[in-house]
Amino acid sequence: MAKKILKKDDTEILLDEIINGMQEVKAHDIVVMDLRHVENAMSDYFVICHGTSTTQVEAISRSIEKETLKSLGYRASHVEGERNAQWILMDYFDIIVHIFNDRMRDYYALEELWADAAFKRIEDRA
């Protein structure tokens, strides 16, 4: 599949829809990491969240897919980890989504590994 190049506005819209998809199923501790100024970063953004069960992790992934398809007609180019739902990675080229269960998020600590990135914490919906 050829890489679909997104315009800046499209990337921002995609980022918003990924966050909406996470919030729809009450994902926990959503963090957007801006990697655009980090040397050797493989994408512009990481979006990280976690669920408290494999069922919730799967639901977050499905919700993101639904929101991005509905708003932009855009699907992740590659998805990993759906089978065991401990850590699902969704590759949208410019944005890589990491959906963890709570234990795996603590173990891998991506926020610490990419500490050079600019972080934005997304408030939970009421």
C-alpha atoms as a PDB file:
ATOM      1  CA  MET A   1       0.000   0.000   0.000  1.00  0.00           C
ATOM      2  CA  ALA A   2       1.393   3.385  -0.960  1.00  0.00           C
ATOM      3  CA  LYS A   3       1.837   5.933   1.780  1.00  0.00           C
ATOM      4  CA  LYS A   4      -1.000   8.415   1.842  1.00  0.00           C
ATOM      5  CA  ILE A   5       0.538  11.834   2.410  1.00  0.00           C
ATOM      6  CA  LEU A   6      -1.596  13.965   4.687  1.00  0.00           C
ATOM      7  CA  LYS A   7      -1.651  17.723   4.606  1.00  0.00           C
ATOM      8  CA  LYS A   8      -0.941  19.463   7.897  1.00  0.00           C
ATOM      9  CA  ASP A   9      -4.639  20.127   8.448  1.00  0.00           C
ATOM     10  CA  ASP A  10      -5.469  16.478   7.736  1.00  0.00           C
ATOM     11  CA  THR A  11      -2.875  15.311  10.260  1.00  0.00           C
ATOM     12  CA  GLU A  12      -4.415  17.570  12.905  1.00  0.00           C
ATOM     13  CA  ILE A  13      -7.905  16.291  12.064  1.00  0.00           C
ATOM     14  CA  LEU A  14      -6.664  12.700  12.216  1.00  0.00           C
ATOM     15  CA  LEU A  15      -5.057  13.397  15.580  1.00  0.00           C
ATOM     16  CA  ASP A  16      -8.340  14.829  16.889  1.00  0.00           C
ATOM     17  CA  GLU A  17     -10.305  11.823  15.631  1.00  0.00           C
ATOM     18  CA  ILE A  18      -7.869   9.372  17.211  1.00  0.00           C
ATOM     19  CA  ILE A  19      -8.305  11.180  20.533  1.00  0.00           C
ATOM     20  CA  ASN A  20     -12.112  11.207  20.082  1.00  0.00           C
ATOM     21  CA  GLY A  21     -12.034   7.461  19.457  1.00  0.00           C
ATOM     22  CA  MET A  22     -10.072   6.948  22.649  1.00  0.00           C
ATOM     23  CA  GLN A  23     -12.363   9.152  24.689  1.00  0.00           C
ATOM     24  CA  GLU A  24     -15.517   7.442  23.376  1.00  0.00           C
ATOM     25  CA  VAL A  25     -14.585   4.288  25.288  1.00  0.00           C
ATOM     26  CA  LYS A  26     -13.000   6.036  28.272  1.00  0.00           C
ATOM     27  CA  ALA A  27      -9.325   5.372  27.557  1.00  0.00           C
ATOM     28  CA  HIS A  28      -7.086   6.323  30.474  1.00  0.00           C
ATOM     29  CA  ASP A  29      -4.244   8.855  30.612  1.00  0.00           C
ATOM     30  CA  ILE A  30      -4.170   9.954  26.964  1.00  0.00           C
ATOM     31  CA  VAL A  31      -0.851  11.555  26.015  1.00  0.00           C
ATOM     32  CA  VAL A  32       0.118  13.115  22.686  1.00  0.00           C
ATOM     33  CA  MET A  33       3.863  13.154  22.083  1.00  0.00           C
ATOM     34  CA  ASP A  34       5.013  15.617  19.428  1.00  0.00           C
ATOM     35  CA  LEU A  35       8.092  14.049  17.825  1.00  0.00           C
ATOM     36  CA  ARG A  36       8.498  16.462  14.927  1.00  0.00           C
ATOM     37  CA  HIS A  37      11.631  18.008  16.448  1.00  0.00           C
ATOM     38  CA  VAL A  38      13.127  14.776  17.772  1.00  0.00           C
ATOM     39  CA  GLU A  39      16.009  13.475  15.687  1.00  0.00           C
ATOM     40  CA  ASN A  40      15.427  10.078  14.031  1.00  0.00           C
ATOM     41  CA  ALA A  41      11.771   9.863  15.076  1.00  0.00           C
ATOM     42  CA  MET A  42       9.762   7.517  12.880  1.00  0.00           C
ATOM     43  CA  SER A  43       6.607   9.623  12.881  1.00  0.00           C
ATOM     44  CA  ASP A  44       5.365  13.083  13.776  1.00  0.00           C
ATOM     45  CA  TYR A  45       3.280  11.996  16.760  1.00  0.00           C
ATOM     46  CA  PHE A  46       2.797   9.145  19.200  1.00  0.00           C
ATOM     47  CA  VAL A  47      -0.589   8.973  20.886  1.00  0.00           C
ATOM     48  CA  ILE A  48      -0.564   6.770  23.969  1.00  0.00           C
ATOM     49  CA  CYS A  49      -3.335   5.580  26.250  1.00  0.00           C
ATOM     50  CA  HIS A  50      -4.277   2.509  28.254  1.00  0.00           C
ATOM     51  CA  GLY A  51      -7.257   0.412  29.199  1.00  0.00           C
ATOM     52  CA  THR A  52      -7.832  -1.638  32.316  1.00  0.00           C
ATOM     53  CA  SER A  53      -8.724  -4.890  30.530  1.00  0.00           C
ATOM     54  CA  THR A  54      -8.102  -6.605  27.212  1.00  0.00           C
ATOM     55  CA  THR A  55     -11.745  -5.941  26.362  1.00  0.00           C
ATOM     56  CA  GLN A  56     -11.259  -2.203  26.828  1.00  0.00           C
ATOM     57  CA  VAL A  57      -7.958  -2.207  24.894  1.00  0.00           C
ATOM     58  CA  GLU A  58      -9.740  -3.896  21.959  1.00  0.00           C
ATOM     59  CA  ALA A  59     -12.667  -1.467  22.235  1.00  0.00           C
ATOM     60  CA  ILE A  60     -10.309   1.526  22.108  1.00  0.00           C
ATOM     61  CA  SER A  61      -8.713   0.179  18.929  1.00  0.00           C
ATOM     62  CA  ARG A  62     -12.094  -0.425  17.271  1.00  0.00           C
ATOM     63  CA  SER A  63     -13.333   3.019  18.300  1.00  0.00           C
ATOM     64  CA  ILE A  64     -10.279   4.734  16.819  1.00  0.00           C
ATOM     65  CA  GLU A  65     -10.714   2.784  13.588  1.00  0.00           C
ATOM     66  CA  LYS A  66     -14.399   3.760  13.429  1.00  0.00           C
ATOM     67  CA  GLU A  67     -13.754   7.470  14.071  1.00  0.00           C
ATOM     68  CA  THR A  68     -10.877   7.824  11.589  1.00  0.00           C
ATOM     69  CA  LEU A  69     -12.734   5.935   8.881  1.00  0.00           C
ATOM     70  CA  LYS A  70     -15.905   7.976   9.409  1.00  0.00           C
ATOM     71  CA  SER A  71     -14.238  11.402   9.441  1.00  0.00           C
ATOM     72  CA  LEU A  72     -11.436  10.984   6.901  1.00  0.00           C
ATOM     73  CA  GLY A  73     -12.032   7.649   5.200  1.00  0.00           C
ATOM     74  CA  TYR A  74      -8.614   6.759   6.535  1.00  0.00           C
ATOM     75  CA  ARG A  75      -7.570   3.401   7.976  1.00  0.00           C
ATOM     76  CA  ALA A  76      -4.354   2.478   9.783  1.00  0.00           C
ATOM     77  CA  SER A  77      -1.766   1.128   7.364  1.00  0.00           C
ATOM     78  CA  HIS A  78      -0.787  -1.562   9.842  1.00  0.00           C
ATOM     79  CA  VAL A  79      -2.103  -2.820  13.182  1.00  0.00           C
ATOM     80  CA  GLU A  80      -0.162  -5.075  15.574  1.00  0.00           C
ATOM     81  CA  GLY A  81      -1.109  -6.775  18.829  1.00  0.00           C
ATOM     82  CA  GLU A  82      -4.839  -7.321  18.354  1.00  0.00           C
ATOM     83  CA  ARG A  83      -4.580 -11.023  19.147  1.00  0.00           C
ATOM     84  CA  ASN A  84      -3.551 -10.658  22.793  1.00  0.00           C
ATOM     85  CA  ALA A  85      -4.650  -7.009  23.323  1.00  0.00           C
ATOM     86  CA  GLN A  86      -1.871  -6.197  25.768  1.00  0.00           C
ATOM     87  CA  TRP A  87      -0.335  -3.545  23.497  1.00  0.00           C
ATOM     88  CA  ILE A  88      -1.993  -2.605  20.224  1.00  0.00           C
ATOM     89  CA  LEU A  89      -0.022  -0.444  17.821  1.00  0.00           C
ATOM     90  CA  MET A  90      -1.844   1.362  15.006  1.00  0.00           C
ATOM     91  CA  ASP A  91       0.330   2.927  12.293  1.00  0.00           C
ATOM     92  CA  TYR A  92      -1.147   5.960  10.544  1.00  0.00           C
ATOM     93  CA  PHE A  93       2.290   6.944   9.111  1.00  0.00           C
ATOM     94  CA  ASP A  94       2.370  10.476  10.551  1.00  0.00           C
ATOM     95  CA  ILE A  95       0.789   9.265  13.791  1.00  0.00           C
ATOM     96  CA  ILE A  96       1.512   6.043  15.655  1.00  0.00           C
ATOM     97  CA  VAL A  97      -1.051   5.011  18.248  1.00  0.00           C
ATOM     98  CA  HIS A  98      -0.088   2.880  21.254  1.00  0.00           C
ATOM     99  CA  ILE A  99      -2.923   1.327  23.258  1.00  0.00           C
ATOM    100  CA  PHE A 100      -1.682  -0.549  26.312  1.00  0.00           C
ATOM    101  CA  ASN A 101      -3.188  -2.425  29.170  1.00  0.00           C
ATOM    102  CA  ASP A 102      -2.150  -0.666  32.372  1.00  0.00           C
ATOM    103  CA  ARG A 103       0.597  -3.137  33.377  1.00  0.00           C
ATOM    104  CA  MET A 104       2.267  -3.105  29.955  1.00  0.00           C
ATOM    105  CA  ARG A 105       2.226   0.686  29.818  1.00  0.00           C
ATOM    106  CA  ASP A 106       4.070   0.873  33.122  1.00  0.00           C
ATOM    107  CA  TYR A 107       6.546  -1.788  31.998  1.00  0.00           C
ATOM    108  CA  TYR A 108       7.482  -0.234  28.638  1.00  0.00           C
ATOM    109  CA  ALA A 109       7.290   3.422  29.779  1.00  0.00           C
ATOM    110  CA  LEU A 110       7.379   4.940  26.281  1.00  0.00           C
ATOM    111  CA  GLU A 111       7.026   8.431  27.694  1.00  0.00           C
ATOM    112  CA  GLU A 112      10.386   7.988  29.416  1.00  0.00           C
ATOM    113  CA  LEU A 113      12.066   6.533  26.327  1.00  0.00           C
ATOM    114  CA  TRP A 114      10.996   9.524  24.214  1.00  0.00           C
ATOM    115  CA  ALA A 115      11.548  12.178  26.881  1.00  0.00           C
ATOM    116  CA  ASP A 116      12.811  14.666  24.245  1.00  0.00           C
ATOM    117  CA  ALA A 117       9.323  14.939  22.780  1.00  0.00           C
ATOM    118  CA  ALA A 118       6.845  17.653  23.671  1.00  0.00           C
ATOM    119  CA  PHE A 119       4.030  16.142  25.755  1.00  0.00           C
ATOM    120  CA  LYS A 120       0.389  17.091  25.901  1.00  0.00           C
ATOM    121  CA  ARG A 121      -1.917  15.334  28.354  1.00  0.00           C
ATOM    122  CA  ILE A 122      -5.528  15.125  27.241  1.00  0.00           C
ATOM    123  CA  GLU A 123      -8.137  15.698  29.918  1.00  0.00           C
ATOM    124  CA  ASP A 124     -10.692  12.940  30.483  1.00  0.00           C
ATOM    125  CA  ARG A 125     -14.211  13.682  29.350  1.00  0.00           C
ATOM    126  CA  ALA A 126     -16.585  14.266  32.226  1.00  0.00           C
END
